[in-house]
Amino acid sequence: MAAVTPDEAETWLIEKIAHRLGVDPSEVSREVYFDELDLDSTEALILAGELENWLGFELSTTTLWYHPTVKDLAGYLAEESAQRAAAA
């Protein structure tokens, strides 16, 4: 399993969020808090599932709580991905 970079994770998140919101990716800020986005709980769960499929590992249910912006979450995902790749 190859590690994901923060930029790759950020791009992935922004593109998926933009798609779910029906907006251009340029309209999704990497600094906006997830709870400020107009994603309902079903869309958020689908997004989390797609993210886990893309990464190849499960996320804690508190991941978005502790990493509440695209920028924060992307950094965490890159770190976690690197650790898992090194252990593989």
C-alpha atoms as a PDB file:
ATOM      1  CA  MET A   1       0.000   0.000   0.000  1.00  0.00           C
ATOM      2  CA  ALA A   2       1.431   3.371  -1.035  1.00  0.00           C
ATOM      3  CA  ALA A   3       1.204   6.326   1.332  1.00  0.00           C
ATOM      4  CA  VAL A   4      -1.089   9.214   0.455  1.00  0.00           C
ATOM      5  CA  THR A   5       0.356  12.742   0.544  1.00  0.00           C
ATOM      6  CA  PRO A   6      -1.455  15.649   2.226  1.00  0.00           C
ATOM      7  CA  ASP A   7      -1.977  17.254  -1.207  1.00  0.00           C
ATOM      8  CA  GLU A   8      -3.475  14.065  -2.649  1.00  0.00           C
ATOM      9  CA  ALA A   9      -5.817  13.714   0.324  1.00  0.00           C
ATOM     10  CA  GLU A  10      -6.808  17.370   0.142  1.00  0.00           C
ATOM     11  CA  THR A  11      -7.535  17.172  -3.580  1.00  0.00           C
ATOM     12  CA  TRP A  12      -9.546  13.975  -3.129  1.00  0.00           C
ATOM     13  CA  LEU A  13     -11.596  15.451  -0.293  1.00  0.00           C
ATOM     14  CA  ILE A  14     -12.278  18.731  -2.081  1.00  0.00           C
ATOM     15  CA  GLU A  15     -13.340  16.995  -5.291  1.00  0.00           C
ATOM     16  CA  LYS A  16     -15.677  14.593  -3.467  1.00  0.00           C
ATOM     17  CA  ILE A  17     -17.193  17.325  -1.294  1.00  0.00           C
ATOM     18  CA  ALA A  18     -17.686  19.598  -4.309  1.00  0.00           C
ATOM     19  CA  HIS A  19     -19.373  16.760  -6.186  1.00  0.00           C
ATOM     20  CA  ARG A  20     -21.703  16.050  -3.258  1.00  0.00           C
ATOM     21  CA  LEU A  21     -22.561  19.755  -2.937  1.00  0.00           C
ATOM     22  CA  GLY A  22     -22.907  20.251  -6.700  1.00  0.00           C
ATOM     23  CA  VAL A  23     -20.346  23.055  -6.796  1.00  0.00           C
ATOM     24  CA  ASP A  24     -16.993  23.652  -8.461  1.00  0.00           C
ATOM     25  CA  PRO A  25     -14.025  22.369  -6.408  1.00  0.00           C
ATOM     26  CA  SER A  26     -12.678  25.934  -6.289  1.00  0.00           C
ATOM     27  CA  GLU A  27     -15.682  26.801  -4.095  1.00  0.00           C
ATOM     28  CA  VAL A  28     -14.676  24.337  -1.345  1.00  0.00           C
ATOM     29  CA  SER A  29     -12.208  25.890   1.088  1.00  0.00           C
ATOM     30  CA  ARG A  30      -9.601  23.701   2.710  1.00  0.00           C
ATOM     31  CA  GLU A  31     -10.099  25.764   5.889  1.00  0.00           C
ATOM     32  CA  VAL A  32     -13.896  25.415   6.209  1.00  0.00           C
ATOM     33  CA  TYR A  33     -15.201  23.305   9.065  1.00  0.00           C
ATOM     34  CA  PHE A  34     -17.068  20.178   7.977  1.00  0.00           C
ATOM     35  CA  ASP A  35     -20.080  21.147  10.076  1.00  0.00           C
ATOM     36  CA  GLU A  36     -20.363  24.359   8.020  1.00  0.00           C
ATOM     37  CA  LEU A  37     -20.778  22.400   4.786  1.00  0.00           C
ATOM     38  CA  ASP A  38     -24.259  21.569   3.574  1.00  0.00           C
ATOM     39  CA  LEU A  39     -23.712  17.807   3.705  1.00  0.00           C
ATOM     40  CA  ASP A  40     -26.454  15.846   5.386  1.00  0.00           C
ATOM     41  CA  SER A  41     -25.596  12.879   7.581  1.00  0.00           C
ATOM     42  CA  THR A  42     -26.249  10.346   4.812  1.00  0.00           C
ATOM     43  CA  GLU A  43     -23.890  12.165   2.433  1.00  0.00           C
ATOM     44  CA  ALA A  44     -21.253  12.398   5.161  1.00  0.00           C
ATOM     45  CA  LEU A  45     -21.477   8.647   5.794  1.00  0.00           C
ATOM     46  CA  ILE A  46     -21.192   7.908   2.074  1.00  0.00           C
ATOM     47  CA  LEU A  47     -18.186  10.214   1.854  1.00  0.00           C
ATOM     48  CA  ALA A  48     -16.544   8.478   4.822  1.00  0.00           C
ATOM     49  CA  GLY A  49     -17.134   5.087   3.202  1.00  0.00           C
ATOM     50  CA  GLU A  50     -15.640   6.256  -0.089  1.00  0.00           C
ATOM     51  CA  LEU A  51     -12.672   7.677   1.805  1.00  0.00           C
ATOM     52  CA  GLU A  52     -12.077   4.376   3.598  1.00  0.00           C
ATOM     53  CA  ASN A  53     -12.287   2.496   0.285  1.00  0.00           C
ATOM     54  CA  TRP A  54      -9.793   4.893  -1.306  1.00  0.00           C
ATOM     55  CA  LEU A  55      -7.369   4.697   1.616  1.00  0.00           C
ATOM     56  CA  GLY A  56      -7.753   0.988   2.263  1.00  0.00           C
ATOM     57  CA  PHE A  57      -8.320   1.329   6.009  1.00  0.00           C
ATOM     58  CA  GLU A  58     -11.120   2.249   8.396  1.00  0.00           C
ATOM     59  CA  LEU A  59     -11.347   5.574  10.148  1.00  0.00           C
ATOM     60  CA  SER A  60     -12.341   6.131  13.739  1.00  0.00           C
ATOM     61  CA  THR A  61     -15.816   7.534  14.270  1.00  0.00           C
ATOM     62  CA  THR A  62     -14.173  10.576  15.906  1.00  0.00           C
ATOM     63  CA  THR A  63     -11.783  11.331  13.027  1.00  0.00           C
ATOM     64  CA  LEU A  64     -13.806  14.259  11.681  1.00  0.00           C
ATOM     65  CA  TRP A  65     -14.318  15.595  15.201  1.00  0.00           C
ATOM     66  CA  TYR A  66     -10.574  15.799  15.854  1.00  0.00           C
ATOM     67  CA  HIS A  67      -9.711  16.902  12.300  1.00  0.00           C
ATOM     68  CA  PRO A  68     -12.593  19.245  11.445  1.00  0.00           C
ATOM     69  CA  THR A  69     -11.324  20.865   8.201  1.00  0.00           C
ATOM     70  CA  VAL A  70     -10.150  19.516   4.852  1.00  0.00           C
ATOM     71  CA  LYS A  71      -6.638  20.757   5.632  1.00  0.00           C
ATOM     72  CA  ASP A  72      -6.544  19.107   9.081  1.00  0.00           C
ATOM     73  CA  LEU A  73      -8.068  15.847   7.887  1.00  0.00           C
ATOM     74  CA  ALA A  74      -5.754  15.635   4.868  1.00  0.00           C
ATOM     75  CA  GLY A  75      -2.709  16.005   7.134  1.00  0.00           C
ATOM     76  CA  TYR A  76      -3.987  13.313   9.467  1.00  0.00           C
ATOM     77  CA  LEU A  77      -4.812  10.959   6.582  1.00  0.00           C
ATOM     78  CA  ALA A  78      -1.336  11.363   5.110  1.00  0.00           C
ATOM     79  CA  GLU A  79       0.254  10.642   8.492  1.00  0.00           C
ATOM     80  CA  GLU A  80      -1.920   7.593   9.114  1.00  0.00           C
ATOM     81  CA  SER A  81      -1.388   6.348   5.566  1.00  0.00           C
ATOM     82  CA  ALA A  82       2.398   6.680   5.890  1.00  0.00           C
ATOM     83  CA  GLN A  83       2.387   4.749   9.183  1.00  0.00           C
ATOM     84  CA  ARG A  84       0.309   1.952   7.684  1.00  0.00           C
ATOM     85  CA  ALA A  85       2.457   1.791   4.540  1.00  0.00           C
ATOM     86  CA  ALA A  86       5.620   1.566   6.648  1.00  0.00           C
ATOM     87  CA  ALA A  87       4.146  -1.227   8.754  1.00  0.00           C
ATOM     88  CA  ALA A  88       3.027  -3.245   5.712  1.00  0.00           C
END
